[in-house]
Every structure is written in structure tokens, then in C-alpha cells.
């Protein structure tokens, strides 16, 4: 992620919701995420997206991505713990079915140049470069970013992505 300012502390978080008032949920979540950043958040638009690898009949998602500058003492793990607590605050229930509908889903996509592969956390997110619902909003705010361990920019991944996902920018 060397092409983005303050890269060592810059984290990208993908937000998604397909239960309840999803637009309002994401806006409220973005406000709360500001508390985790030492600089103003960089926020994508909200995007309505088709569910990917979800149970049949799952409603569409509203997705977005934010960039935040983590504090000096923040680690990928400590940020992940905060994101998981926030999901619970917004009514996220323990998973019963893989990719089931949820009120709020927060995924840590990248944290500076960190690369991790533990049972709790993989960085960068292992499927981010394969998902239009992540790449489109990420390209909106950081098209030139190169995720750790990859050679292509977010914009290049998006241009090359072959996917049947539908994604529409929502009016603000």
C-alpha cells in the first residue's frame, strides 16, 4: 500500500448490511468508525449489491469501504476486536449459516503493509480482490492502492474482475 499517504497506519474496512435499514446502519457505523481513526475517514459511496455466496432468497446488500488511520498503539488484532464488538452493538448474531443475512458486517481488508494468516485474521482479506462489492467502493477512495502481497492496484483488479455481481451506486 506504499502508494497511499500514511500507509503504515492506513486501514481499510469494508461495511455491509442486508437486514433492516441498511443505509442508515452503514451511515451510523461510519460515524462510529471515526472514533478508531486519528484522521478524518475516507468514505466511499453506498452501493447496493447482489448477495454473493449467500443462502437462496437473501436480500441485496448495501456496501461501502472506509479508510482510517489507526492510532499509534492500534494493531490489526486490536482493531479487529473493536470491529467485532461494533457488529454486536448493531445486532449481529452469532453465525448459524455461512453468509446469512446480517445487520452489519465489518471486514478488515488491509492494515498498512501487514500480512497475517492466523485462525482469527488474514491480511489482506483473502477474497477482497475477487469481490466487486469490495473492489468498487475501495477503488472509489483508493484506486492506486496495492494490497500487501499483490502486484496490481485495486483499480487494475476491478478492471480485470469477471463476476456476475450487480452493483449500483446509491444516491447520497
N, C-alpha and C. Protein backbone atom coordinates (compact mmCIF):
# COMPACT_ATOMS: atom_id res chain seq x y z
N UNK A 1 0.83 -1.18 0.00
CA UNK A 1 0.00 0.00 0.00
C UNK A 1 0.88 1.25 0.00
N UNK A 2 2.05 1.12 -0.54
CA UNK A 2 3.02 2.20 -0.48
C UNK A 2 2.63 3.43 -1.29
N UNK A 3 1.65 3.33 -2.14
CA UNK A 3 1.28 4.48 -2.96
C UNK A 3 0.28 5.39 -2.26
N UNK A 4 -0.09 5.11 -1.03
CA UNK A 4 -1.07 5.91 -0.32
C UNK A 4 -0.40 6.58 0.86
N UNK A 5 -0.74 7.85 1.15
CA UNK A 5 -0.11 8.53 2.28
C UNK A 5 -0.38 7.81 3.59
N UNK A 6 0.57 7.94 4.51
CA UNK A 6 0.45 7.37 5.85
C UNK A 6 0.17 5.87 5.79
N UNK A 7 0.81 5.19 4.86
CA UNK A 7 0.47 3.80 4.56
C UNK A 7 0.66 2.84 5.72
N UNK A 8 1.60 3.08 6.61
CA UNK A 8 1.85 2.10 7.66
C UNK A 8 0.71 2.02 8.67
N UNK A 9 -0.11 3.05 8.78
CA UNK A 9 -1.21 3.07 9.74
C UNK A 9 -2.58 3.08 9.06
N UNK A 10 -2.59 3.08 7.73
CA UNK A 10 -3.85 3.16 6.98
C UNK A 10 -4.51 1.79 6.92
N UNK A 11 -5.75 1.75 7.37
CA UNK A 11 -6.53 0.51 7.35
C UNK A 11 -7.78 0.74 6.50
N UNK A 12 -8.17 -0.30 5.79
CA UNK A 12 -9.41 -0.26 5.03
C UNK A 12 -10.39 -1.27 5.62
N UNK A 13 -11.62 -0.80 5.83
CA UNK A 13 -12.67 -1.62 6.40
C UNK A 13 -13.85 -1.64 5.43
N UNK A 14 -14.30 -2.83 5.07
CA UNK A 14 -15.49 -2.99 4.23
C UNK A 14 -16.69 -3.14 5.13
N UNK A 15 -17.76 -2.45 4.78
CA UNK A 15 -19.00 -2.49 5.54
C UNK A 15 -20.09 -3.09 4.67
N UNK A 16 -20.95 -3.89 5.27
CA UNK A 16 -22.08 -4.45 4.54
C UNK A 16 -23.25 -4.69 5.46
N UNK A 17 -24.46 -4.59 4.89
CA UNK A 17 -25.69 -4.85 5.64
C UNK A 17 -26.76 -5.28 4.67
N UNK A 18 -27.54 -6.31 5.05
CA UNK A 18 -28.71 -6.67 4.25
C UNK A 18 -29.89 -7.06 5.13
N UNK A 19 -29.92 -6.52 6.34
CA UNK A 19 -31.07 -6.67 7.24
C UNK A 19 -31.41 -5.31 7.82
N UNK A 20 -32.68 -4.99 7.85
CA UNK A 20 -33.09 -3.73 8.46
C UNK A 20 -32.84 -2.55 7.54
N UNK A 21 -32.68 -1.39 8.15
CA UNK A 21 -32.47 -0.13 7.42
C UNK A 21 -30.98 -0.01 7.09
N UNK A 22 -30.54 -0.75 6.08
CA UNK A 22 -29.12 -0.91 5.79
C UNK A 22 -28.39 0.40 5.52
N UNK A 23 -29.00 1.32 4.81
CA UNK A 23 -28.32 2.60 4.54
C UNK A 23 -28.03 3.34 5.84
N UNK A 24 -29.03 3.40 6.70
CA UNK A 24 -28.86 4.09 7.97
C UNK A 24 -27.86 3.37 8.86
N UNK A 25 -27.89 2.05 8.82
CA UNK A 25 -26.93 1.26 9.60
C UNK A 25 -25.50 1.59 9.17
N UNK A 26 -25.25 1.61 7.86
CA UNK A 26 -23.89 1.90 7.39
C UNK A 26 -23.47 3.33 7.72
N UNK A 27 -24.38 4.27 7.59
CA UNK A 27 -24.03 5.66 7.94
C UNK A 27 -23.68 5.77 9.43
N UNK A 28 -24.48 5.12 10.27
CA UNK A 28 -24.20 5.14 11.72
C UNK A 28 -22.89 4.43 12.03
N UNK A 29 -22.63 3.33 11.36
CA UNK A 29 -21.38 2.59 11.58
C UNK A 29 -20.18 3.44 11.16
N UNK A 30 -20.31 4.17 10.07
CA UNK A 30 -19.21 5.05 9.64
C UNK A 30 -18.94 6.11 10.70
N UNK A 31 -19.98 6.66 11.28
CA UNK A 31 -19.79 7.66 12.34
C UNK A 31 -19.01 7.05 13.51
N UNK A 32 -19.35 5.83 13.88
CA UNK A 32 -18.65 5.17 14.99
C UNK A 32 -17.21 4.81 14.62
N UNK A 33 -16.99 4.44 13.37
CA UNK A 33 -15.63 4.09 12.94
C UNK A 33 -14.69 5.28 13.03
N UNK A 34 -15.24 6.48 12.94
CA UNK A 34 -14.39 7.68 13.05
C UNK A 34 -13.61 7.67 14.36
N UNK A 35 -14.18 7.11 15.41
CA UNK A 35 -13.51 7.06 16.71
C UNK A 35 -12.24 6.21 16.67
N UNK A 36 -12.10 5.35 15.68
CA UNK A 36 -10.93 4.47 15.57
C UNK A 36 -9.82 5.10 14.73
N UNK A 37 -10.05 6.31 14.22
CA UNK A 37 -9.12 6.93 13.29
C UNK A 37 -8.57 8.24 13.85
N UNK A 38 -7.27 8.44 13.65
CA UNK A 38 -6.64 9.68 14.10
C UNK A 38 -6.81 10.80 13.07
N UNK A 39 -7.36 10.49 11.90
CA UNK A 39 -7.63 11.46 10.84
C UNK A 39 -9.08 11.28 10.39
N UNK A 40 -9.63 12.26 9.67
CA UNK A 40 -10.98 12.05 9.14
C UNK A 40 -11.03 10.80 8.25
N UNK A 41 -12.13 10.06 8.34
CA UNK A 41 -12.30 8.88 7.50
C UNK A 41 -12.36 9.27 6.03
N UNK A 42 -11.88 8.38 5.19
CA UNK A 42 -12.12 8.48 3.76
C UNK A 42 -13.24 7.48 3.50
N UNK A 43 -14.37 7.96 2.96
CA UNK A 43 -15.56 7.12 2.83
C UNK A 43 -15.99 6.99 1.37
N UNK A 44 -16.31 5.76 0.98
CA UNK A 44 -16.88 5.55 -0.35
C UNK A 44 -18.36 5.90 -0.31
N UNK A 45 -18.94 5.89 -1.49
CA UNK A 45 -20.39 5.97 -1.60
C UNK A 45 -20.98 4.68 -1.03
N UNK A 46 -22.30 4.68 -0.87
CA UNK A 46 -23.01 3.45 -0.55
C UNK A 46 -23.38 2.79 -1.87
N UNK A 47 -23.27 1.47 -1.90
CA UNK A 47 -23.53 0.70 -3.11
C UNK A 47 -24.52 -0.41 -2.79
N UNK A 48 -25.54 -0.58 -3.62
CA UNK A 48 -26.42 -1.74 -3.49
C UNK A 48 -25.84 -2.86 -4.33
N UNK A 49 -25.69 -4.02 -3.71
CA UNK A 49 -25.02 -5.13 -4.38
C UNK A 49 -25.81 -6.42 -4.24
N UNK A 50 -25.63 -7.28 -5.21
CA UNK A 50 -26.28 -8.58 -5.14
C UNK A 50 -25.56 -9.45 -4.11
N UNK A 51 -26.31 -10.32 -3.41
CA UNK A 51 -25.65 -11.20 -2.45
C UNK A 51 -24.72 -12.19 -3.16
N UNK A 52 -23.56 -12.44 -2.56
CA UNK A 52 -22.56 -13.36 -3.14
C UNK A 52 -22.38 -14.53 -2.18
N UNK A 53 -22.53 -15.74 -2.70
CA UNK A 53 -22.35 -16.96 -1.90
C UNK A 53 -23.23 -16.96 -0.65
N UNK A 54 -24.44 -16.41 -0.78
CA UNK A 54 -25.38 -16.33 0.34
C UNK A 54 -26.48 -17.37 0.15
N UNK A 55 -27.22 -17.67 1.23
CA UNK A 55 -28.34 -18.61 1.10
C UNK A 55 -29.37 -18.09 0.09
N UNK A 56 -30.07 -18.99 -0.59
CA UNK A 56 -31.09 -18.57 -1.56
C UNK A 56 -32.11 -17.62 -0.92
N UNK A 57 -32.51 -16.63 -1.68
CA UNK A 57 -33.50 -15.68 -1.19
C UNK A 57 -32.94 -14.56 -0.32
N UNK A 58 -31.62 -14.50 -0.17
CA UNK A 58 -31.01 -13.44 0.64
C UNK A 58 -31.27 -12.10 -0.02
N UNK A 59 -31.60 -11.07 0.77
CA UNK A 59 -31.83 -9.75 0.20
C UNK A 59 -30.52 -9.11 -0.27
N UNK A 60 -30.64 -8.09 -1.14
CA UNK A 60 -29.44 -7.37 -1.59
C UNK A 60 -28.74 -6.71 -0.40
N UNK A 61 -27.47 -6.42 -0.59
CA UNK A 61 -26.67 -5.73 0.43
C UNK A 61 -26.54 -4.26 0.09
N UNK A 62 -26.24 -3.49 1.11
CA UNK A 62 -25.68 -2.16 0.93
C UNK A 62 -24.25 -2.29 1.43
N UNK A 63 -23.29 -1.87 0.60
CA UNK A 63 -21.87 -1.99 0.92
C UNK A 63 -21.17 -0.65 0.80
N UNK A 64 -20.05 -0.54 1.48
CA UNK A 64 -19.18 0.64 1.41
C UNK A 64 -17.81 0.23 1.92
N UNK A 65 -16.83 1.11 1.73
CA UNK A 65 -15.49 0.91 2.29
C UNK A 65 -15.05 2.24 2.88
N UNK A 66 -14.38 2.17 4.03
CA UNK A 66 -13.76 3.35 4.62
C UNK A 66 -12.27 3.11 4.79
N UNK A 67 -11.54 4.21 4.71
CA UNK A 67 -10.12 4.20 5.04
C UNK A 67 -9.96 4.98 6.33
N UNK A 68 -9.21 4.42 7.26
CA UNK A 68 -8.96 5.10 8.52
C UNK A 68 -7.48 5.03 8.86
N UNK A 69 -7.02 5.99 9.62
CA UNK A 69 -5.63 5.99 10.06
C UNK A 69 -5.63 5.54 11.51
N UNK A 70 -5.15 4.34 11.74
CA UNK A 70 -5.16 3.74 13.08
C UNK A 70 -4.19 4.48 13.99
N UNK A 71 -4.56 4.55 15.25
CA UNK A 71 -3.69 5.18 16.24
C UNK A 71 -2.38 4.42 16.40
N UNK A 72 -1.42 5.07 17.02
CA UNK A 72 -0.07 4.51 17.14
C UNK A 72 -0.05 3.18 17.89
N UNK A 73 -0.97 2.97 18.82
CA UNK A 73 -0.97 1.72 19.60
C UNK A 73 -1.90 0.66 19.04
N UNK A 74 -2.63 1.01 17.99
CA UNK A 74 -3.57 0.06 17.38
C UNK A 74 -2.81 -1.00 16.60
N UNK A 75 -3.26 -2.23 16.72
CA UNK A 75 -2.72 -3.34 15.94
C UNK A 75 -3.86 -3.90 15.08
N UNK A 76 -3.54 -4.70 14.08
CA UNK A 76 -4.62 -5.33 13.32
C UNK A 76 -5.56 -6.12 14.23
N UNK A 77 -5.01 -6.85 15.18
CA UNK A 77 -5.84 -7.66 16.08
C UNK A 77 -6.72 -6.79 16.96
N UNK A 78 -6.16 -5.71 17.52
CA UNK A 78 -6.98 -4.86 18.40
C UNK A 78 -8.08 -4.16 17.60
N UNK A 79 -7.79 -3.79 16.36
CA UNK A 79 -8.83 -3.19 15.52
C UNK A 79 -9.90 -4.22 15.18
N UNK A 80 -9.50 -5.44 14.89
CA UNK A 80 -10.47 -6.50 14.60
C UNK A 80 -11.41 -6.71 15.79
N UNK A 81 -10.86 -6.72 16.99
CA UNK A 81 -11.70 -6.90 18.20
C UNK A 81 -12.72 -5.77 18.30
N UNK A 82 -12.31 -4.55 18.01
CA UNK A 82 -13.23 -3.41 18.05
C UNK A 82 -14.31 -3.54 16.97
N UNK A 83 -13.92 -3.99 15.78
CA UNK A 83 -14.89 -4.17 14.70
C UNK A 83 -15.93 -5.24 15.07
N UNK A 84 -15.47 -6.33 15.66
CA UNK A 84 -16.38 -7.40 16.06
C UNK A 84 -17.33 -6.94 17.16
N UNK A 85 -16.84 -6.15 18.10
CA UNK A 85 -17.70 -5.60 19.16
C UNK A 85 -18.75 -4.67 18.56
N UNK A 86 -18.34 -3.89 17.59
CA UNK A 86 -19.26 -2.97 16.93
C UNK A 86 -20.36 -3.72 16.18
N UNK A 87 -20.00 -4.81 15.52
CA UNK A 87 -21.01 -5.63 14.84
C UNK A 87 -22.07 -6.09 15.85
N UNK A 88 -21.64 -6.53 17.01
CA UNK A 88 -22.59 -6.99 18.04
C UNK A 88 -23.47 -5.84 18.52
N UNK A 89 -22.87 -4.65 18.69
CA UNK A 89 -23.65 -3.46 19.08
C UNK A 89 -24.78 -3.20 18.10
N UNK A 90 -24.52 -3.47 16.83
CA UNK A 90 -25.50 -3.23 15.78
C UNK A 90 -26.42 -4.44 15.55
N UNK A 91 -26.39 -5.39 16.47
CA UNK A 91 -27.33 -6.50 16.43
C UNK A 91 -26.88 -7.73 15.69
N UNK A 92 -25.62 -7.83 15.35
CA UNK A 92 -25.14 -9.04 14.66
C UNK A 92 -25.22 -10.23 15.60
N UNK A 93 -25.82 -11.28 15.11
CA UNK A 93 -25.99 -12.51 15.88
C UNK A 93 -24.90 -13.51 15.52
N UNK A 94 -24.60 -14.45 16.41
CA UNK A 94 -23.63 -15.50 16.06
C UNK A 94 -24.09 -16.22 14.79
N UNK A 95 -23.12 -16.54 13.96
CA UNK A 95 -23.39 -17.16 12.65
C UNK A 95 -23.99 -18.54 12.82
N UNK A 96 -25.13 -18.76 12.13
CA UNK A 96 -25.75 -20.09 12.09
C UNK A 96 -25.56 -20.72 10.73
N UNK A 97 -25.60 -19.88 9.70
CA UNK A 97 -25.46 -20.32 8.31
C UNK A 97 -24.41 -19.43 7.65
N UNK A 98 -23.53 -20.01 6.85
CA UNK A 98 -22.49 -19.25 6.16
C UNK A 98 -23.12 -18.16 5.31
N UNK A 99 -22.64 -16.92 5.46
CA UNK A 99 -23.06 -15.77 4.67
C UNK A 99 -24.55 -15.46 4.76
N UNK A 100 -25.13 -15.74 5.92
CA UNK A 100 -26.54 -15.44 6.13
C UNK A 100 -26.75 -13.92 6.20
N UNK A 101 -28.00 -13.45 6.00
CA UNK A 101 -28.27 -12.02 6.13
C UNK A 101 -27.83 -11.51 7.50
N UNK A 102 -27.37 -10.24 7.52
CA UNK A 102 -26.87 -9.67 8.77
C UNK A 102 -27.08 -8.16 8.79
N UNK A 103 -27.22 -7.65 10.00
CA UNK A 103 -27.46 -6.22 10.18
C UNK A 103 -26.20 -5.41 9.88
N UNK A 104 -25.04 -5.93 10.27
CA UNK A 104 -23.79 -5.24 9.99
C UNK A 104 -22.66 -6.25 9.91
N UNK A 105 -21.89 -6.12 8.84
CA UNK A 105 -20.71 -6.94 8.64
C UNK A 105 -19.55 -5.98 8.42
N UNK A 106 -18.50 -6.12 9.22
CA UNK A 106 -17.30 -5.29 9.08
C UNK A 106 -16.11 -6.19 8.83
N UNK A 107 -15.46 -6.01 7.71
CA UNK A 107 -14.29 -6.82 7.36
C UNK A 107 -13.06 -5.92 7.27
N UNK A 108 -12.02 -6.30 7.99
CA UNK A 108 -10.74 -5.60 7.88
C UNK A 108 -10.08 -6.10 6.59
N UNK A 109 -9.99 -5.22 5.60
CA UNK A 109 -9.45 -5.58 4.29
C UNK A 109 -7.93 -5.51 4.29
N UNK A 110 -7.39 -4.45 4.88
CA UNK A 110 -5.95 -4.27 4.93
C UNK A 110 -5.61 -3.34 6.09
N UNK A 111 -4.40 -3.50 6.61
CA UNK A 111 -3.88 -2.65 7.68
C UNK A 111 -2.43 -2.36 7.32
N UNK A 112 -2.20 -1.18 6.73
CA UNK A 112 -0.86 -0.84 6.28
C UNK A 112 -0.32 -1.94 5.38
N UNK A 113 0.94 -2.29 5.57
CA UNK A 113 1.56 -3.35 4.78
C UNK A 113 1.52 -4.70 5.47
N UNK A 114 0.71 -4.81 6.53
CA UNK A 114 0.66 -6.05 7.31
C UNK A 114 0.15 -7.23 6.50
N UNK A 115 0.81 -8.35 6.71
CA UNK A 115 0.34 -9.62 6.16
C UNK A 115 0.22 -10.58 7.34
N UNK A 116 -0.93 -11.19 7.47
CA UNK A 116 -1.20 -12.13 8.57
C UNK A 116 -1.97 -13.32 8.01
N UNK A 117 -1.77 -14.45 8.64
CA UNK A 117 -2.57 -15.62 8.31
C UNK A 117 -2.71 -16.45 9.57
N UNK A 118 -3.69 -16.07 10.39
CA UNK A 118 -3.97 -16.78 11.63
C UNK A 118 -5.42 -17.23 11.60
N UNK A 119 -5.82 -18.11 12.49
CA UNK A 119 -7.24 -18.51 12.51
C UNK A 119 -8.19 -17.32 12.71
N UNK A 120 -7.74 -16.27 13.41
CA UNK A 120 -8.59 -15.13 13.69
C UNK A 120 -8.57 -14.09 12.58
N UNK A 121 -7.45 -13.96 11.88
CA UNK A 121 -7.29 -12.83 10.97
C UNK A 121 -6.34 -13.16 9.83
N UNK A 122 -6.80 -12.89 8.61
CA UNK A 122 -5.94 -12.99 7.43
C UNK A 122 -5.89 -11.61 6.78
N UNK A 123 -4.68 -11.12 6.58
CA UNK A 123 -4.47 -9.82 5.94
C UNK A 123 -3.48 -9.95 4.80
N UNK A 124 -3.76 -9.29 3.68
CA UNK A 124 -5.02 -8.62 3.42
C UNK A 124 -6.15 -9.65 3.34
N UNK A 125 -7.39 -9.16 3.35
CA UNK A 125 -8.53 -10.06 3.28
C UNK A 125 -8.36 -10.98 2.07
N UNK A 126 -8.48 -12.29 2.26
CA UNK A 126 -8.12 -13.23 1.18
C UNK A 126 -9.01 -13.19 -0.06
N UNK A 127 -10.22 -12.64 0.05
CA UNK A 127 -11.10 -12.61 -1.12
C UNK A 127 -11.42 -11.20 -1.59
N UNK A 128 -10.83 -10.18 -0.99
CA UNK A 128 -11.16 -8.79 -1.35
C UNK A 128 -10.97 -8.53 -2.83
N UNK A 129 -9.89 -9.04 -3.41
CA UNK A 129 -9.59 -8.78 -4.82
C UNK A 129 -10.48 -9.56 -5.79
N UNK A 130 -11.35 -10.42 -5.24
CA UNK A 130 -12.24 -11.24 -6.06
C UNK A 130 -13.69 -10.78 -5.99
N UNK A 131 -13.96 -9.72 -5.23
CA UNK A 131 -15.33 -9.31 -4.96
C UNK A 131 -15.57 -7.87 -5.40
N UNK A 132 -16.49 -7.72 -6.34
CA UNK A 132 -16.83 -6.39 -6.83
C UNK A 132 -17.38 -5.52 -5.72
N UNK A 133 -18.13 -6.12 -4.78
CA UNK A 133 -18.73 -5.31 -3.71
C UNK A 133 -17.68 -4.74 -2.76
N UNK A 134 -16.46 -5.24 -2.82
CA UNK A 134 -15.34 -4.64 -2.08
C UNK A 134 -14.53 -3.74 -3.01
N UNK A 135 -14.18 -4.25 -4.18
CA UNK A 135 -13.30 -3.51 -5.09
C UNK A 135 -13.90 -2.20 -5.58
N UNK A 136 -15.20 -2.19 -5.91
CA UNK A 136 -15.80 -0.97 -6.46
C UNK A 136 -15.73 0.19 -5.46
N UNK A 137 -16.20 0.01 -4.22
CA UNK A 137 -16.08 1.13 -3.27
C UNK A 137 -14.63 1.42 -2.88
N UNK A 138 -13.78 0.41 -2.81
CA UNK A 138 -12.37 0.64 -2.50
C UNK A 138 -11.70 1.43 -3.61
N UNK A 139 -12.02 1.11 -4.86
CA UNK A 139 -11.45 1.84 -6.00
C UNK A 139 -11.91 3.29 -6.02
N UNK A 140 -13.08 3.53 -5.47
CA UNK A 140 -13.60 4.90 -5.41
C UNK A 140 -12.73 5.78 -4.50
N UNK A 141 -12.21 5.21 -3.42
CA UNK A 141 -11.45 6.01 -2.45
C UNK A 141 -9.94 5.80 -2.53
N UNK A 142 -9.50 4.68 -3.12
CA UNK A 142 -8.07 4.38 -3.14
C UNK A 142 -7.71 3.53 -4.37
N UNK A 143 -7.93 4.05 -5.58
CA UNK A 143 -7.72 3.24 -6.78
C UNK A 143 -6.29 2.78 -6.98
N UNK A 144 -5.32 3.53 -6.49
CA UNK A 144 -3.91 3.20 -6.73
C UNK A 144 -3.29 2.33 -5.64
N UNK A 145 -4.07 1.98 -4.63
CA UNK A 145 -3.54 1.15 -3.56
C UNK A 145 -3.24 -0.25 -4.08
N UNK A 146 -2.12 -0.79 -3.64
CA UNK A 146 -1.73 -2.17 -3.93
C UNK A 146 -1.79 -2.90 -2.60
N UNK A 147 -2.66 -3.89 -2.51
CA UNK A 147 -2.78 -4.65 -1.27
C UNK A 147 -1.50 -5.45 -1.02
N UNK A 148 -1.09 -5.58 0.23
CA UNK A 148 0.14 -6.32 0.54
C UNK A 148 0.13 -7.71 -0.08
N UNK A 149 1.27 -8.09 -0.65
CA UNK A 149 1.39 -9.41 -1.26
C UNK A 149 0.87 -9.49 -2.69
N UNK A 150 0.32 -8.39 -3.20
CA UNK A 150 -0.21 -8.35 -4.55
C UNK A 150 0.63 -7.38 -5.38
N UNK A 151 0.54 -7.50 -6.69
CA UNK A 151 1.29 -6.62 -7.57
C UNK A 151 0.41 -5.59 -8.27
N UNK A 152 -0.91 -5.82 -8.29
CA UNK A 152 -1.82 -4.95 -9.03
C UNK A 152 -2.49 -3.94 -8.11
N UNK A 153 -2.86 -2.81 -8.69
CA UNK A 153 -3.64 -1.83 -7.95
C UNK A 153 -5.08 -2.32 -7.82
N UNK A 154 -5.79 -1.71 -6.91
CA UNK A 154 -7.22 -2.01 -6.75
C UNK A 154 -7.95 -1.75 -8.06
N UNK A 155 -7.63 -0.65 -8.70
CA UNK A 155 -8.27 -0.30 -9.97
C UNK A 155 -8.01 -1.37 -11.04
N UNK A 156 -6.79 -1.90 -11.11
CA UNK A 156 -6.47 -2.96 -12.08
C UNK A 156 -7.25 -4.23 -11.78
N UNK A 157 -7.34 -4.60 -10.50
CA UNK A 157 -8.12 -5.78 -10.12
C UNK A 157 -9.57 -5.61 -10.57
N UNK A 158 -10.12 -4.41 -10.32
CA UNK A 158 -11.51 -4.16 -10.67
C UNK A 158 -11.73 -4.27 -12.17
N UNK A 159 -10.85 -3.71 -12.96
CA UNK A 159 -10.98 -3.76 -14.42
C UNK A 159 -10.93 -5.19 -14.95
N UNK A 160 -10.15 -6.03 -14.32
CA UNK A 160 -9.97 -7.40 -14.78
C UNK A 160 -10.98 -8.39 -14.20
N UNK A 161 -11.74 -7.95 -13.20
CA UNK A 161 -12.65 -8.85 -12.49
C UNK A 161 -13.76 -9.36 -13.41
N UNK A 162 -13.91 -10.65 -13.43
CA UNK A 162 -15.02 -11.26 -14.15
C UNK A 162 -15.96 -11.82 -13.10
N UNK A 163 -17.13 -11.19 -13.01
CA UNK A 163 -18.08 -11.52 -11.96
C UNK A 163 -19.47 -11.22 -12.45
N UNK A 164 -20.44 -11.98 -11.97
CA UNK A 164 -21.82 -11.70 -12.33
C UNK A 164 -22.52 -10.88 -11.24
N UNK A 165 -21.76 -10.30 -10.33
CA UNK A 165 -22.33 -9.43 -9.30
C UNK A 165 -22.94 -8.20 -9.95
N UNK A 166 -24.05 -7.76 -9.39
CA UNK A 166 -24.58 -6.48 -9.80
C UNK A 166 -24.30 -5.48 -8.68
N UNK A 167 -23.97 -4.25 -9.08
CA UNK A 167 -23.64 -3.22 -8.11
C UNK A 167 -24.07 -1.88 -8.67
N UNK A 168 -24.79 -1.12 -7.83
CA UNK A 168 -25.32 0.17 -8.24
C UNK A 168 -25.02 1.18 -7.14
N UNK A 169 -24.43 2.32 -7.53
CA UNK A 169 -24.17 3.38 -6.56
C UNK A 169 -25.50 3.98 -6.12
N UNK A 170 -25.68 4.12 -4.82
CA UNK A 170 -26.91 4.71 -4.28
C UNK A 170 -26.75 6.21 -4.17
N UNK A 171 -27.82 6.91 -4.39
CA UNK A 171 -27.79 8.37 -4.24
C UNK A 171 -27.53 8.70 -2.78
N UNK A 172 -26.74 9.75 -2.56
CA UNK A 172 -26.42 10.14 -1.18
C UNK A 172 -27.50 10.98 -0.61
